N, C-alpha and C. Protein backbone atom coordinates (compact mmCIF):
# COMPACT_ATOMS: atom_id res chain seq x y z
N UNK A 1 110.87 107.00 121.79
CA UNK A 1 110.69 107.42 120.63
C UNK A 1 109.36 107.01 120.58
N UNK A 2 108.23 107.59 119.61
CA UNK A 2 107.08 107.37 119.48
C UNK A 2 106.68 106.56 118.55
N UNK A 3 105.90 105.64 118.39
CA UNK A 3 105.67 104.77 117.01
C UNK A 3 105.38 105.52 115.60
N UNK A 4 105.11 107.02 115.64
CA UNK A 4 105.26 107.80 114.26
C UNK A 4 106.22 107.64 113.55
N UNK A 5 107.60 107.92 114.64
CA UNK A 5 108.81 107.97 114.14
C UNK A 5 109.34 106.59 114.12
N UNK A 6 109.17 105.45 114.61
CA UNK A 6 109.49 104.30 114.25
C UNK A 6 109.08 104.22 113.02
N UNK A 7 107.91 104.18 112.82
CA UNK A 7 107.55 103.87 111.29
C UNK A 7 107.91 104.65 110.21
N UNK A 8 108.64 105.51 110.20
CA UNK A 8 109.04 106.61 109.60
C UNK A 8 110.50 106.35 109.11
N UNK A 9 110.65 105.73 110.00
CA UNK A 9 112.38 105.04 110.15
C UNK A 9 112.07 103.57 109.53
N UNK A 10 110.92 103.18 108.92
CA UNK A 10 110.80 101.76 108.74
C UNK A 10 111.11 100.49 110.12
N UNK A 11 111.44 101.38 110.71
CA UNK A 11 111.72 100.40 112.09
C UNK A 11 111.51 99.02 112.39
N UNK A 12 110.86 98.79 112.43
CA UNK A 12 110.26 97.08 112.54
C UNK A 12 110.40 96.13 111.05
N UNK A 13 110.74 97.02 109.64
CA UNK A 13 111.08 96.03 108.99
C UNK A 13 112.73 96.20 109.00
N UNK A 14 113.35 96.86 109.51
CA UNK A 14 114.83 96.47 109.86
C UNK A 14 115.05 95.63 111.16
N UNK A 15 113.97 95.67 111.82
CA UNK A 15 114.04 94.75 113.20
C UNK A 15 114.05 93.03 112.38
N UNK A 16 113.09 93.07 111.59
CA UNK A 16 112.91 91.82 110.59
C UNK A 16 113.83 91.28 109.47
N UNK A 17 114.63 92.38 109.57
CA UNK A 17 115.38 91.82 108.50
C UNK A 17 116.44 91.25 108.86
N UNK A 18 116.75 92.12 110.18
CA UNK A 18 118.08 91.92 111.17
C UNK A 18 117.83 90.25 111.73
N UNK A 19 116.56 90.15 111.94
CA UNK A 19 115.92 89.02 112.88
C UNK A 19 116.22 87.66 111.52
N UNK A 20 116.34 87.69 110.47
CA UNK A 20 116.52 87.19 109.72
C UNK A 20 118.02 86.18 109.54
N UNK A 21 118.94 87.03 109.91
CA UNK A 21 120.39 86.72 110.56
C UNK A 21 120.44 85.93 111.56
N UNK A 22 119.23 86.05 112.39
CA UNK A 22 119.29 84.87 114.04
C UNK A 22 119.64 84.08 113.67
N UNK A 23 120.45 83.08 114.51
CA UNK A 23 120.78 81.37 114.52
C UNK A 23 120.29 80.53 115.52
N UNK A 24 119.49 81.47 115.91
CA UNK A 24 118.37 80.25 116.48
C UNK A 24 116.96 81.27 116.87
N UNK A 25 115.28 80.73 116.94
CA UNK A 25 114.18 81.17 117.52
C UNK A 25 114.26 82.47 118.70
N UNK A 26 115.08 81.86 119.65
CA UNK A 26 115.09 82.86 120.46
C UNK A 26 116.01 83.84 120.33
N UNK A 27 116.56 83.84 119.86
CA UNK A 27 117.30 85.41 118.71
C UNK A 27 117.02 85.87 117.93
N UNK A 28 115.88 85.16 117.58
CA UNK A 28 115.39 86.51 116.71
C UNK A 28 114.00 86.85 117.16
N UNK A 29 113.25 85.94 118.35
CA UNK A 29 112.25 86.88 119.35
C UNK A 29 112.51 88.01 119.76
N UNK A 30 114.25 87.74 120.54
CA UNK A 30 115.07 88.75 121.52
C UNK A 30 115.01 89.91 120.48
N UNK A 31 115.56 89.82 118.93
CA UNK A 31 115.49 91.02 117.70
C UNK A 31 114.29 91.89 117.88
N UNK A 32 112.92 90.88 118.09
CA UNK A 32 112.19 91.37 117.64
C UNK A 32 111.69 92.66 118.69
N UNK A 33 112.13 92.28 119.79
CA UNK A 33 111.70 92.96 120.78
C UNK A 33 112.28 94.25 121.39
N UNK A 34 114.01 94.49 120.52
CA UNK A 34 114.92 95.74 120.76
C UNK A 34 114.22 96.96 120.15
N UNK A 35 113.88 98.04 121.08
CA UNK A 35 113.61 98.98 121.15
C UNK A 35 114.28 100.26 121.08
N UNK A 36 114.56 100.73 120.80
CA UNK A 36 115.47 102.44 120.95
C UNK A 36 115.95 102.77 122.19
N UNK A 37 116.71 103.03 122.72
CA UNK A 37 117.10 103.74 123.82
C UNK A 37 117.61 105.03 123.58
N UNK A 38 116.93 105.87 124.92
CA UNK A 38 117.28 107.12 124.74
C UNK A 38 118.16 108.08 126.13
N UNK A 39 118.39 107.30 126.53
CA UNK A 39 119.13 107.55 127.70
C UNK A 39 120.65 107.26 127.64
N UNK A 40 121.45 108.81 127.78
CA UNK A 40 122.49 108.39 127.46
C UNK A 40 123.40 107.68 127.72
N UNK A 41 123.19 107.21 129.16
CA UNK A 41 124.25 106.51 130.40
C UNK A 41 124.25 105.06 129.54
N UNK A 42 122.90 104.76 129.71
CA UNK A 42 122.59 103.26 128.67
C UNK A 42 122.75 103.07 127.67
N UNK A 43 122.58 103.92 126.60
CA UNK A 43 123.28 104.24 125.14
C UNK A 43 124.67 103.88 125.60
N UNK A 44 125.34 104.22 126.39
CA UNK A 44 127.07 104.10 126.17
C UNK A 44 127.59 102.68 126.98
N UNK A 45 127.02 102.67 127.72
CA UNK A 45 126.53 100.72 127.97
C UNK A 45 126.48 100.20 127.02
N UNK A 46 125.91 100.21 126.73
CA UNK A 46 124.98 99.41 125.44
C UNK A 46 126.17 99.19 124.54
N UNK A 47 127.26 100.65 123.99
CA UNK A 47 128.50 100.50 123.04
C UNK A 47 128.69 99.67 123.51
N UNK A 48 129.24 99.61 124.83
CA UNK A 48 130.56 98.82 125.35
C UNK A 48 130.22 97.92 125.43
N UNK A 49 129.02 97.28 125.72
CA UNK A 49 128.91 95.69 125.61
C UNK A 49 129.12 95.53 123.87
N UNK A 50 128.88 96.37 123.00
CA UNK A 50 129.01 95.72 121.67
C UNK A 50 130.29 95.73 121.43
N UNK A 51 131.07 97.11 122.03
CA UNK A 51 132.85 96.89 121.37
C UNK A 51 133.30 95.50 121.77
N UNK A 52 132.79 95.10 123.20
CA UNK A 52 133.12 94.12 124.10
C UNK A 52 132.96 92.89 122.89
N UNK A 53 131.76 92.67 122.69
CA UNK A 53 130.94 91.74 121.41
C UNK A 53 132.56 91.44 120.42
N UNK A 54 132.52 92.71 119.50
CA UNK A 54 133.07 92.83 118.24
C UNK A 54 134.99 92.26 118.71
N UNK A 55 135.27 92.70 120.08
CA UNK A 55 136.64 92.46 120.30
C UNK A 55 136.43 91.04 120.80
N UNK A 56 135.86 90.27 120.92
CA UNK A 56 135.46 88.93 121.29
C UNK A 56 135.41 88.13 120.22
N UNK A 57 134.37 88.39 119.16
CA UNK A 57 134.35 88.39 117.72
C UNK A 57 135.49 87.98 116.88
N UNK A 58 136.46 89.33 117.04
CA UNK A 58 137.65 88.86 116.47
C UNK A 58 138.30 88.17 117.06
N UNK A 59 138.90 87.56 118.03
CA UNK A 59 139.96 86.94 118.64
C UNK A 59 139.41 85.62 118.56
N UNK A 60 138.14 85.47 119.18
CA UNK A 60 137.72 83.50 119.03
C UNK A 60 136.95 83.28 118.08
N UNK A 61 136.42 84.10 116.91
CA UNK A 61 135.68 83.74 115.79
C UNK A 61 134.43 83.85 116.11
N UNK A 62 133.52 83.01 115.18
CA UNK A 62 132.19 83.46 115.27
C UNK A 62 131.57 81.84 116.07
N UNK A 63 130.50 82.63 117.41
CA UNK A 63 130.02 81.15 118.29
C UNK A 63 129.14 80.64 117.38
N UNK A 64 129.18 79.35 117.38
CA UNK A 64 127.97 77.86 117.01
C UNK A 64 127.10 78.30 117.95
N UNK A 65 126.11 79.37 117.89
CA UNK A 65 124.88 79.13 118.36
C UNK A 65 123.18 78.37 118.36
N UNK A 66 123.89 78.05 117.30
CA UNK A 66 122.29 77.12 116.45
C UNK A 66 121.71 76.68 117.46
N UNK A 67 122.23 76.33 118.31
CA UNK A 67 121.42 74.71 119.28
C UNK A 67 120.73 74.81 120.16
N UNK A 68 121.05 76.67 120.47
CA UNK A 68 119.73 77.25 121.75
C UNK A 68 118.55 76.79 121.51
N UNK A 69 118.00 76.56 122.39
CA UNK A 69 116.69 76.34 122.89
C UNK A 69 115.95 76.97 124.03
N UNK A 70 114.90 77.18 123.59
CA UNK A 70 113.94 78.09 124.49
C UNK A 70 113.50 77.74 125.85
N UNK A 71 113.43 78.17 127.11
CA UNK A 71 113.64 77.21 127.96
C UNK A 71 112.28 78.03 128.78
N UNK A 72 111.40 78.68 127.64
CA UNK A 72 110.46 79.54 128.36
C UNK A 72 109.28 78.15 129.01
N UNK A 73 109.15 77.24 128.97
CA UNK A 73 107.93 76.31 128.86
C UNK A 73 108.33 76.19 130.06
N UNK A 74 109.55 75.51 130.43
CA UNK A 74 110.52 75.06 131.82
C UNK A 74 110.05 76.04 132.93
N UNK A 75 110.83 77.24 132.62
CA UNK A 75 110.54 78.05 133.77
C UNK A 75 108.96 78.62 134.13
N UNK A 76 108.30 78.50 132.98
CA UNK A 76 106.88 78.48 133.25
C UNK A 76 106.54 77.46 134.22
N UNK A 77 106.93 76.61 134.19
CA UNK A 77 106.26 74.77 134.78
C UNK A 77 107.00 75.13 136.87
N UNK A 78 108.28 75.62 136.46
CA UNK A 78 109.01 75.96 137.52
C UNK A 78 108.07 76.93 138.39
N UNK A 79 107.42 78.12 137.71
CA UNK A 79 107.21 79.00 138.21
C UNK A 79 105.43 78.43 138.93
N UNK A 80 105.00 77.14 138.62
CA UNK A 80 104.09 76.81 139.33
C UNK A 80 104.41 75.88 140.13
N UNK A 81 105.61 75.39 140.85
CA UNK A 81 106.51 74.27 141.86
C UNK A 81 106.12 73.12 141.36
N UNK A 82 105.85 72.78 139.67
CA UNK A 82 106.17 71.66 138.84
C UNK A 82 107.40 70.89 138.58
N UNK A 83 107.49 69.96 138.85
CA UNK A 83 108.77 69.36 139.04
C UNK A 83 109.11 68.85 136.99
N UNK A 84 110.50 68.70 137.56
CA UNK A 84 111.03 68.74 136.12
C UNK A 84 110.86 67.35 135.44
N UNK A 85 111.34 66.59 134.27
CA UNK A 85 111.90 65.34 134.22
C UNK A 85 113.66 65.43 134.19
N UNK A 86 114.02 64.02 133.64
CA UNK A 86 115.14 63.99 133.76
C UNK A 86 115.80 64.52 132.32
N UNK A 87 115.20 64.64 131.57
CA UNK A 87 115.33 65.57 130.01
C UNK A 87 115.45 66.89 129.80
N UNK A 88 114.48 67.53 131.02
CA UNK A 88 114.47 68.87 131.10
C UNK A 88 115.82 69.55 131.86
């Protein structure tokens, strides 16, 4: 989907609203990077994943995800072969 179509649909405004419901910064960042998919098989797979998530939510309730923290800095240090502290 091209930028003009996304602008017409106010797609980025929708993502901003959606990211406001995120329980962590990691999730909000993920939401802001979501792009529409146009591949039939990929869309069906994502719909199936969504269906599974809804069923799990209905059976188990809302999981607490507020304590999730980004590990980007840790992964970056590991890529540089750096040692991690016990806390990390």
